[in-house]
Amino acid sequence: MPSVRKLAYDSVYAVKYKGVYSNLYISQSIKKYRLIDRDRVFYTELVYGTLENIKFLDYVIDKFSNVKVDKLSKEVLTILEVSLYQIHYMDGVQNFAVVNEMVNLAKVVWHNARIPSFVNGILRNILRNPNAFDILLPPGKKRLSIEYSVSEWISELLINQYSLEKAEDILYALSQHPAIYLRVNMNKVTTDRLKEKLCSLGVDTEKVVGFDNILQTKHFNGIEKNEYFLKGYFTIQDISSVCCIKALSPKTGEKILDICAAPGGKTTAIAEIIGEKGIVFSNDKGVNKLNLISQSAKRLCLDNIELSDIDACEFQENWKEMFDRVLVDVPCSGLGVIRRKPEIRYKQGVEFKSLYPIQKKILDNASQYVKKDGILIYSTCTLNREENQEVIHHFLSTHTNFTLDDMIIPTLGQVYGMVELLPDEGQWDGFFISKLKRIQ
């Protein structure tokens, strides 16, 4: 088995240069090497922390390296990034131990005596300089990009849409570690009772103001093995997604379509509410995605979910005007969840351009599945208004049979038509919700 630091290096490298998803790779590595709790915690923090701060770490490296970051080999750069994260951010690690182990790692990765010496020199120069981690830049998109480790495209987008001050507030909020939220399955247990049961296992939780079925916790090791999770007493779900379900406002006995459903959190939330007389059509493209939804439904003992494997961009005649409510949580750039998916931090705008026509097409198709007087919810986990408000304005300009409608958002109250959930204004991720009603 590789050392934990070697495993972290391999993981960061794979996410950066092989296009793997950080959460999946980390989960697979933990299972593969059967990491004990102490090593698992260290490994997870080191990988996520490095990925979340790469722009800043590269800025520091650039100040001390006679070879600029864009000229360094991928392997050497990754070793330096993983090293600096430990030195600057992690409590309880000894700097000399970090340097020694990472230099030894450089010897394993590169069979060239000059490379370990190069790594050793940069790290020791940084350690000798008390101002090594200071940013020597004036406020603006470049400073925000470096300080909060996002691409300049993201920092510029947020500044243009929200102002410099607001953009920094948003990025600061997205740099904080998110809490873990538990959506209580009220068909099995009350919120108070689950809180007591988890407390008996040493898991401290708090109720969340405005949400009757949500508990919040900061630490919850081994969630997937927890007996109450396995019994279907709760599901992990961010409160922004819960707000989306509140806006949808499903009713007992209704027929509802979740057209882009994976991994299934919103589908199961709907199913818990509408009861056995209702039915949720949970749709997504791909067997693996449907398996995730099926596993969650089985764990939660939900029999009112019907799975379908249909391309949401292709119109389905047999679904026309079939549903009381349709949820359209479209594929998006994900800028509101970068603290959970650090690989999104470094994306460029051109990588998302292909999404915009897809979002409009899915919404257009989904609107045709709504009954007269039925409800259509459009949602994303991004803060890019081109994917949010502009999509809705375009839709309303071409669909006169729909109008914006009132919705209730916990802690915000009644909101008309569209709402941005900004991470600096609540406990939620960045999210957008629009509620529309079919009137003809």
Protein backbone atom coordinates (compact mmCIF):
# COMPACT_ATOMS: atom_id res chain seq x y z
CA MET A 1 0.00 0.00 0.00
CA PRO A 2 1.33 3.50 -0.83
CA SER A 3 1.85 6.04 1.94
CA VAL A 4 -1.07 8.37 2.61
CA ARG A 5 0.87 11.30 1.10
CA LYS A 6 1.66 9.26 -2.02
CA LEU A 7 -2.01 8.33 -2.28
CA ALA A 8 -2.96 12.01 -1.96
CA TYR A 9 -0.46 12.93 -4.67
CA ASP A 10 -1.90 10.27 -7.00
CA SER A 11 -5.43 11.52 -6.33
CA VAL A 12 -4.69 15.21 -6.97
CA TYR A 13 -2.80 14.29 -10.14
CA ALA A 14 -5.69 12.13 -11.38
CA VAL A 15 -8.28 14.86 -10.82
CA LYS A 16 -6.13 17.58 -12.43
CA TYR A 17 -4.80 15.73 -15.42
CA LYS A 18 -6.98 12.66 -16.01
CA GLY A 19 -10.39 14.27 -15.61
CA VAL A 20 -11.65 12.01 -12.82
CA TYR A 21 -14.22 13.24 -10.29
CA SER A 22 -12.64 13.99 -6.92
CA ASN A 23 -15.43 12.54 -4.76
CA LEU A 24 -15.57 9.26 -6.70
CA TYR A 25 -11.79 8.82 -6.81
CA ILE A 26 -11.41 9.53 -3.11
CA SER A 27 -14.23 7.14 -2.20
CA GLN A 28 -12.75 4.37 -4.36
CA SER A 29 -9.28 4.88 -2.89
CA ILE A 30 -10.54 4.71 0.70
CA LYS A 31 -12.31 1.42 -0.06
CA LYS A 32 -9.44 -0.03 -2.09
CA TYR A 33 -6.80 0.57 0.58
CA ARG A 34 -9.16 0.16 3.56
CA LEU A 35 -7.87 3.29 5.21
CA ILE A 36 -8.28 3.51 8.97
CA ASP A 37 -10.14 6.57 10.28
CA ARG A 38 -7.03 8.61 11.05
CA ASP A 39 -5.51 8.04 7.61
CA ARG A 40 -8.85 8.53 5.87
CA VAL A 41 -9.36 11.94 7.50
CA PHE A 42 -5.81 13.06 6.71
CA TYR A 43 -5.98 11.81 3.11
CA THR A 44 -9.39 13.35 2.44
CA GLU A 45 -8.42 16.75 3.81
CA LEU A 46 -5.12 16.76 1.94
CA VAL A 47 -6.70 15.94 -1.43
CA TYR A 48 -9.72 18.24 -1.16
CA GLY A 49 -7.68 21.00 0.46
CA THR A 50 -5.02 20.95 -2.24
CA LEU A 51 -7.62 20.94 -5.02
CA GLU A 52 -9.53 23.79 -3.39
CA ASN A 53 -6.44 26.01 -3.18
CA ILE A 54 -4.42 25.23 -6.29
CA LYS A 55 -4.47 28.73 -7.79
CA PHE A 56 -3.15 30.20 -4.54
CA LEU A 57 -0.57 27.44 -4.10
CA ASP A 58 0.65 27.93 -7.67
CA TYR A 59 0.97 31.66 -7.05
CA VAL A 60 3.28 30.96 -4.08
CA ILE A 61 5.28 28.41 -6.05
CA ASP A 62 5.71 30.91 -8.87
CA LYS A 63 7.27 33.41 -6.44
CA PHE A 64 9.99 30.99 -5.35
CA SER A 65 10.67 28.85 -8.39
CA ASN A 66 13.17 29.85 -11.09
CA VAL A 67 11.05 27.68 -13.41
CA LYS A 68 7.58 29.17 -13.78
CA VAL A 69 4.53 27.09 -12.92
CA ASP A 70 3.40 26.69 -16.52
CA LYS A 71 6.83 25.25 -17.40
CA LEU A 72 7.08 22.77 -14.53
CA SER A 73 6.28 19.13 -15.17
CA LYS A 74 2.84 18.01 -13.99
CA GLU A 75 4.43 15.62 -11.50
CA VAL A 76 6.73 18.17 -9.87
CA LEU A 77 4.01 20.81 -9.72
CA THR A 78 1.61 18.38 -8.04
CA ILE A 79 4.24 17.39 -5.45
CA LEU A 80 4.84 21.05 -4.63
CA GLU A 81 1.10 21.81 -4.38
CA VAL A 82 0.46 18.90 -2.02
CA SER A 83 3.50 19.93 0.03
CA LEU A 84 2.49 23.58 0.39
CA TYR A 85 -1.06 22.74 1.39
CA GLN A 86 0.28 20.75 4.34
CA ILE A 87 2.75 23.47 5.33
CA HIS A 88 0.31 26.38 5.15
CA TYR A 89 -3.07 24.90 6.08
CA MET A 90 -2.79 21.70 8.08
CA ASP A 91 -2.42 21.85 11.83
CA GLY A 92 -0.44 19.16 13.59
CA VAL A 93 1.98 18.39 10.75
CA GLN A 94 5.67 19.08 11.20
CA ASN A 95 7.15 21.04 8.33
CA PHE A 96 10.46 19.18 8.29
CA ALA A 97 8.56 15.87 8.06
CA VAL A 98 6.52 17.21 5.13
CA VAL A 99 9.66 18.29 3.29
CA ASN A 100 11.46 15.01 3.91
CA GLU A 101 8.57 12.81 2.83
CA MET A 102 7.68 14.87 -0.23
CA VAL A 103 11.33 14.97 -1.35
CA ASN A 104 11.42 11.19 -0.99
CA LEU A 105 8.22 11.04 -3.03
CA ALA A 106 9.94 13.09 -5.73
CA LYS A 107 12.64 10.43 -5.83
CA VAL A 108 9.99 7.77 -6.46
CA VAL A 109 8.18 9.78 -9.12
CA TRP A 110 11.35 11.01 -10.86
CA HIS A 111 14.48 8.86 -11.14
CA ASN A 112 16.57 12.00 -11.48
CA ALA A 113 18.63 13.39 -8.61
CA ARG A 114 18.07 16.99 -9.73
CA ILE A 115 14.29 16.87 -9.21
CA PRO A 116 14.27 16.00 -5.48
CA SER A 117 16.94 18.66 -4.95
CA PHE A 118 14.79 21.19 -6.83
CA VAL A 119 11.72 20.33 -4.72
CA ASN A 120 13.75 20.48 -1.51
CA GLY A 121 15.19 23.90 -2.42
CA ILE A 122 11.83 25.52 -3.15
CA LEU A 123 10.17 24.16 -0.02
CA ARG A 124 13.00 25.23 2.26
CA ASN A 125 13.12 28.71 0.68
CA ILE A 126 9.41 29.09 1.34
CA LEU A 127 9.78 27.93 4.94
CA ARG A 128 12.53 30.50 5.55
CA ASN A 129 10.39 33.39 4.27
CA PRO A 130 7.78 34.68 6.77
CA ASN A 131 5.89 36.49 3.99
CA ALA A 132 5.85 33.56 1.58
CA PHE A 133 2.08 33.25 1.56
CA ASP A 134 1.25 36.95 1.18
CA ILE A 135 -0.54 37.98 -2.03
CA LEU A 136 1.10 41.00 -3.63
CA LEU A 137 -1.77 42.08 -5.87
CA PRO A 138 -4.37 44.88 -5.79
CA PRO A 139 -8.11 44.00 -5.53
CA GLY A 140 -9.67 42.81 -8.78
CA LYS A 141 -10.46 39.67 -10.72
CA LYS A 142 -6.89 38.36 -10.61
CA ARG A 143 -6.57 38.76 -6.85
CA LEU A 144 -9.96 37.10 -6.27
CA SER A 145 -8.94 34.31 -8.62
CA ILE A 146 -5.76 33.64 -6.64
CA GLU A 147 -7.04 34.27 -3.13
CA TYR A 148 -10.10 32.04 -3.55
CA SER A 149 -8.55 29.66 -6.11
CA VAL A 150 -10.96 29.95 -9.01
CA SER A 151 -10.36 30.62 -12.68
CA GLU A 152 -10.26 34.26 -13.73
CA TRP A 153 -13.32 33.53 -15.85
CA ILE A 154 -15.29 32.68 -12.70
CA SER A 155 -14.07 35.68 -10.72
CA GLU A 156 -14.78 38.02 -13.64
CA LEU A 157 -18.26 36.52 -14.16
CA LEU A 158 -19.20 37.04 -10.51
CA ILE A 159 -17.80 40.59 -10.47
CA ASN A 160 -19.73 41.51 -13.62
CA GLN A 161 -22.98 40.01 -12.36
CA TYR A 162 -22.82 40.89 -8.66
CA SER A 163 -20.12 43.62 -8.14
CA LEU A 164 -16.58 43.21 -6.79
CA GLU A 165 -17.60 43.34 -3.13
CA LYS A 166 -20.45 40.85 -3.55
CA ALA A 167 -18.30 38.53 -5.66
CA GLU A 168 -15.76 38.37 -2.84
CA ASP A 169 -18.50 37.66 -0.28
CA ILE A 170 -19.76 34.80 -2.45
CA LEU A 171 -16.29 33.36 -3.02
CA TYR A 172 -15.44 33.64 0.66
CA ALA A 173 -18.60 31.70 1.54
CA LEU A 174 -17.74 29.09 -1.08
CA SER A 175 -14.27 28.71 0.45
CA GLN A 176 -15.69 27.57 3.80
CA HIS A 177 -16.18 23.91 4.59
CA PRO A 178 -19.89 23.10 4.18
CA ALA A 179 -21.92 21.54 6.93
CA ILE A 180 -23.56 18.15 6.45
CA TYR A 181 -27.35 18.20 6.23
CA LEU A 182 -29.58 15.23 6.99
CA ARG A 183 -33.07 15.13 5.49
CA VAL A 184 -35.20 13.16 7.90
CA ASN A 185 -37.53 10.53 6.44
CA MET A 186 -40.64 11.58 8.32
CA ASN A 187 -42.40 8.36 7.28
CA LYS A 188 -40.04 6.45 9.56
CA VAL A 189 -38.97 8.78 12.36
CA THR A 190 -39.48 12.28 13.72
CA THR A 191 -36.71 14.85 13.58
CA ASP A 192 -36.46 14.98 17.37
CA ARG A 193 -36.29 11.20 17.67
CA LEU A 194 -33.56 10.87 15.04
CA LYS A 195 -31.60 13.61 16.78
CA GLU A 196 -31.76 11.57 20.00
CA LYS A 197 -30.76 8.35 18.28
CA LEU A 198 -27.76 9.92 16.58
CA CYS A 199 -26.71 11.61 19.81
CA SER A 200 -26.62 8.18 21.47
CA LEU A 201 -24.04 7.20 18.84
CA GLY A 202 -21.93 10.30 19.49
CA VAL A 203 -23.16 12.29 16.50
CA ASP A 204 -24.16 15.82 17.53
CA THR A 205 -26.79 17.49 15.34
CA GLU A 206 -28.76 20.71 15.38
CA LYS A 207 -32.12 21.60 13.92
CA VAL A 208 -32.06 24.11 11.06
CA VAL A 209 -34.33 27.14 11.44
CA GLY A 210 -37.12 27.12 8.88
CA PHE A 211 -36.78 23.41 8.02
CA ASP A 212 -38.85 20.94 10.01
CA ASN A 213 -37.15 17.82 8.61
CA ILE A 214 -33.48 18.89 8.44
CA LEU A 215 -30.65 18.27 10.88
CA GLN A 216 -27.21 19.81 10.57
CA THR A 217 -23.91 18.33 11.72
CA LYS A 218 -20.26 19.22 11.26
CA HIS A 219 -18.78 15.76 11.70
CA PHE A 220 -20.29 12.43 10.75
CA ASN A 221 -17.76 9.71 10.10
CA GLY A 222 -18.92 6.55 8.36
CA ILE A 223 -22.34 7.84 7.33
CA GLU A 224 -22.97 5.07 4.82
CA LYS A 225 -22.38 2.45 7.53
CA ASN A 226 -24.54 4.18 10.14
CA GLU A 227 -27.39 1.93 11.28
CA TYR A 228 -30.03 4.66 10.97
CA PHE A 229 -28.85 5.58 7.48
CA LEU A 230 -29.09 1.92 6.47
CA LYS A 231 -32.60 1.76 7.96
CA GLY A 232 -33.65 4.66 5.76
CA TYR A 233 -34.18 7.17 8.55
CA PHE A 234 -32.37 9.95 6.71
CA THR A 235 -30.68 11.05 3.49
CA ILE A 236 -27.78 13.44 2.93
CA GLN A 237 -29.11 16.48 1.07
CA ASP A 238 -28.11 20.13 1.00
CA ILE A 239 -30.81 22.56 2.05
CA SER A 240 -30.73 24.33 -1.32
CA SER A 241 -32.13 21.14 -2.85
CA VAL A 242 -34.69 20.97 -0.05
CA CYS A 243 -35.72 24.54 -0.95
CA CYS A 244 -36.25 23.34 -4.49
CA ILE A 245 -38.70 20.70 -3.25
CA LYS A 246 -40.43 23.32 -1.08
CA ALA A 247 -40.91 25.46 -4.21
CA LEU A 248 -42.28 22.47 -6.12
CA SER A 249 -44.70 21.89 -3.22
CA PRO A 250 -45.77 18.31 -4.10
CA LYS A 251 -49.14 17.12 -2.81
CA THR A 252 -50.37 13.72 -1.67
CA GLY A 253 -51.48 11.53 -4.55
CA GLU A 254 -49.98 13.59 -7.37
CA LYS A 255 -48.16 12.35 -10.46
CA ILE A 256 -44.80 14.13 -10.71
CA LEU A 257 -41.88 13.97 -13.14
CA ASP A 258 -38.25 14.54 -12.09
CA ILE A 259 -36.72 14.69 -15.55
CA CYS A 260 -32.97 14.95 -14.69
CA ALA A 261 -33.14 13.01 -11.47
CA ALA A 262 -29.76 11.46 -10.63
CA PRO A 263 -28.47 10.90 -8.02
CA GLY A 264 -32.05 10.93 -6.75
CA GLY A 265 -32.17 13.18 -3.69
CA LYS A 266 -35.04 15.27 -5.00
CA THR A 267 -36.88 12.21 -6.34
CA THR A 268 -36.87 10.52 -2.95
CA ALA A 269 -37.84 13.75 -1.17
CA ILE A 270 -40.88 14.03 -3.45
CA ALA A 271 -41.76 10.36 -2.99
CA GLU A 272 -41.68 10.70 0.80
CA ILE A 273 -44.19 13.57 0.59
CA ILE A 274 -46.74 12.33 -1.96
CA GLY A 275 -47.31 8.96 -0.32
CA GLU A 276 -48.37 5.62 -1.75
CA LYS A 277 -51.23 7.08 -3.80
CA GLY A 278 -48.84 9.33 -5.72
CA ILE A 279 -46.07 8.43 -8.13
CA VAL A 280 -42.76 9.98 -9.13
CA PHE A 281 -41.39 9.32 -12.59
CA SER A 282 -37.65 9.52 -11.99
CA ASN A 283 -35.79 9.93 -15.25
CA ASP A 284 -32.15 10.11 -16.24
CA LYS A 285 -29.91 8.76 -18.96
CA GLY A 286 -27.64 5.89 -17.99
CA VAL A 287 -27.90 2.63 -16.07
CA ASN A 288 -25.44 3.72 -13.37
CA LYS A 289 -27.48 6.82 -12.60
CA LEU A 290 -30.70 4.85 -12.35
CA ASN A 291 -29.02 2.30 -10.10
CA LEU A 292 -28.13 5.09 -7.65
CA ILE A 293 -31.77 6.20 -7.54
CA SER A 294 -33.00 2.63 -7.18
CA GLN A 295 -30.64 1.93 -4.28
CA SER A 296 -31.78 5.07 -2.44
CA ALA A 297 -35.46 4.22 -3.01
CA LYS A 298 -34.92 0.70 -1.67
CA ARG A 299 -33.06 1.95 1.42
CA LEU A 300 -35.82 4.47 2.16
CA CYS A 301 -38.56 1.86 1.52
CA LEU A 302 -40.17 3.91 -1.24
CA ASP A 303 -42.37 1.98 -3.69
CA ASN A 304 -43.89 4.96 -5.49
CA ILE A 305 -40.97 5.68 -7.84
CA GLU A 306 -40.96 4.64 -11.49
CA LEU A 307 -37.57 4.80 -13.22
CA SER A 308 -37.06 5.69 -16.87
CA ASP A 309 -33.95 5.94 -19.06
CA ILE A 310 -34.88 8.66 -21.53
CA ASP A 311 -32.87 11.50 -23.08
CA ALA A 312 -34.45 14.65 -21.66
CA CYS A 313 -33.62 16.47 -24.92
CA GLU A 314 -35.92 14.15 -26.88
CA PHE A 315 -39.65 14.88 -26.69
CA GLN A 316 -41.82 12.03 -25.39
CA GLU A 317 -45.33 12.13 -26.87
CA ASN A 318 -46.69 9.67 -24.29
CA TRP A 319 -45.79 12.11 -21.49
CA LYS A 320 -47.64 15.06 -23.01
CA GLU A 321 -49.78 16.88 -20.40
CA MET A 322 -49.43 13.90 -18.08
CA PHE A 323 -48.02 15.40 -14.87
CA ASP A 324 -49.30 17.63 -12.08
CA ARG A 325 -45.79 18.92 -11.48
CA VAL A 326 -42.50 18.65 -13.36
CA LEU A 327 -39.07 19.28 -11.88
CA VAL A 328 -36.34 20.34 -14.32
CA ASP A 329 -33.01 20.37 -12.47
CA VAL A 330 -30.82 20.73 -15.54
CA PRO A 331 -27.13 19.94 -16.09
CA CYS A 332 -25.25 23.17 -15.38
CA SER A 333 -21.84 24.71 -14.74
CA GLY A 334 -22.12 24.00 -11.00
CA LEU A 335 -20.58 27.28 -9.82
CA GLY A 336 -22.73 27.22 -6.70
CA VAL A 337 -21.26 23.94 -5.45
CA ILE A 338 -17.53 24.45 -6.00
CA ARG A 339 -16.82 23.86 -2.31
CA ARG A 340 -18.18 20.32 -2.80
CA LYS A 341 -16.71 19.75 -6.30
CA PRO A 342 -13.33 21.50 -6.35
CA GLU A 343 -12.53 20.50 -9.95
CA ILE A 344 -15.17 23.01 -11.11
CA ARG A 345 -13.09 25.89 -9.68
CA TYR A 346 -10.73 25.96 -12.64
CA LYS A 347 -13.21 25.63 -15.49
CA GLN A 348 -13.39 28.19 -18.29
CA GLY A 349 -16.54 29.66 -19.82
CA VAL A 350 -15.98 27.94 -23.15
CA GLU A 351 -16.39 24.58 -21.39
CA PHE A 352 -20.01 25.41 -20.54
CA LYS A 353 -21.24 26.99 -23.76
CA SER A 354 -22.64 23.69 -25.02
CA LEU A 355 -24.87 23.47 -21.92
CA TYR A 356 -26.99 26.53 -22.72
CA PRO A 357 -28.95 25.14 -25.70
CA ILE A 358 -29.35 21.83 -23.84
CA GLN A 359 -30.88 23.61 -20.84
CA LYS A 360 -33.35 25.43 -23.08
CA LYS A 361 -34.26 22.25 -24.96
CA ILE A 362 -34.89 20.25 -21.79
CA LEU A 363 -37.06 23.02 -20.36
CA ASP A 364 -39.03 23.28 -23.61
CA ASN A 365 -39.69 19.52 -23.65
CA ALA A 366 -40.54 19.37 -19.96
CA SER A 367 -43.07 22.18 -20.27
CA GLN A 368 -45.13 20.04 -22.62
CA TYR A 369 -45.49 17.34 -19.99
CA VAL A 370 -47.28 19.66 -17.54
CA LYS A 371 -51.08 19.54 -17.20
CA LYS A 372 -53.12 22.74 -17.42
CA ASP A 373 -52.83 24.54 -14.06
CA GLY A 374 -49.80 22.37 -13.32
CA ILE A 375 -46.43 23.52 -11.97
CA LEU A 376 -43.02 23.57 -13.65
CA ILE A 377 -39.84 24.10 -11.61
CA TYR A 378 -36.55 25.00 -13.30
CA SER A 379 -33.47 24.83 -11.11
CA THR A 380 -29.67 24.83 -11.28
CA CYS A 381 -26.77 24.74 -8.83
CA THR A 382 -24.96 27.58 -10.59
CA LEU A 383 -24.67 31.34 -10.10
CA ASN A 384 -24.31 32.08 -13.81
CA ARG A 385 -27.32 34.16 -14.82
CA GLU A 386 -26.94 33.09 -18.45
CA GLU A 387 -28.00 29.64 -17.27
CA ASN A 388 -30.63 30.96 -14.88
CA GLN A 389 -32.62 34.15 -15.40
CA GLU A 390 -31.80 34.39 -19.09
CA VAL A 391 -33.09 30.87 -19.72
CA ILE A 392 -36.37 31.72 -17.98
CA HIS A 393 -36.78 35.02 -19.83
CA HIS A 394 -36.20 33.22 -23.13
CA PHE A 395 -38.69 30.51 -22.17
CA LEU A 396 -41.43 32.97 -21.23
CA SER A 397 -40.93 34.89 -24.47
CA THR A 398 -41.72 31.74 -26.46
CA HIS A 399 -44.25 30.04 -24.15
CA THR A 400 -47.17 32.35 -23.47
CA ASN A 401 -49.09 29.50 -21.85
CA PHE A 402 -46.83 29.75 -18.78
CA THR A 403 -46.44 32.46 -16.17
CA LEU A 404 -44.23 32.99 -13.14
CA ASP A 405 -45.81 31.86 -9.88
CA ASP A 406 -45.38 32.43 -6.14
CA MET A 407 -43.31 29.98 -4.11
CA ILE A 408 -42.39 29.63 -0.46
CA ILE A 409 -38.69 29.43 0.36
CA PRO A 410 -37.76 28.63 3.98
CA THR A 411 -36.33 31.65 5.85
CA LEU A 412 -37.13 33.90 2.85
CA GLY A 413 -40.90 33.49 2.83
CA GLN A 414 -42.98 34.10 -0.29
CA VAL A 415 -40.99 34.76 -3.46
CA TYR A 416 -42.39 35.51 -6.87
CA GLY A 417 -41.16 33.60 -9.89
CA MET A 418 -37.37 33.38 -9.48
CA VAL A 419 -34.90 33.26 -6.61
CA GLU A 420 -31.12 33.13 -6.27
CA LEU A 421 -29.91 31.34 -3.16
CA LEU A 422 -26.53 32.96 -2.54
CA PRO A 423 -24.08 31.14 -0.25
CA ASP A 424 -23.14 34.32 1.62
CA GLU A 425 -26.79 34.96 2.53
CA GLY A 426 -27.76 31.59 3.98
CA GLN A 427 -26.57 28.13 4.89
CA TRP A 428 -27.21 26.81 1.41
CA ASP A 429 -25.07 26.21 -1.65
CA GLY A 430 -25.39 28.61 -4.57
CA PHE A 431 -28.66 27.71 -6.29
CA PHE A 432 -31.34 29.08 -8.62
CA ILE A 433 -35.04 28.20 -8.64
CA SER A 434 -37.84 29.41 -10.89
CA LYS A 435 -41.49 28.43 -10.47
CA LEU A 436 -43.81 28.57 -13.45
CA LYS A 437 -47.49 27.71 -13.81
CA ARG A 438 -49.23 26.53 -16.95
CA ILE A 439 -52.27 28.74 -17.50
CA GLN A 440 -53.49 27.52 -20.89
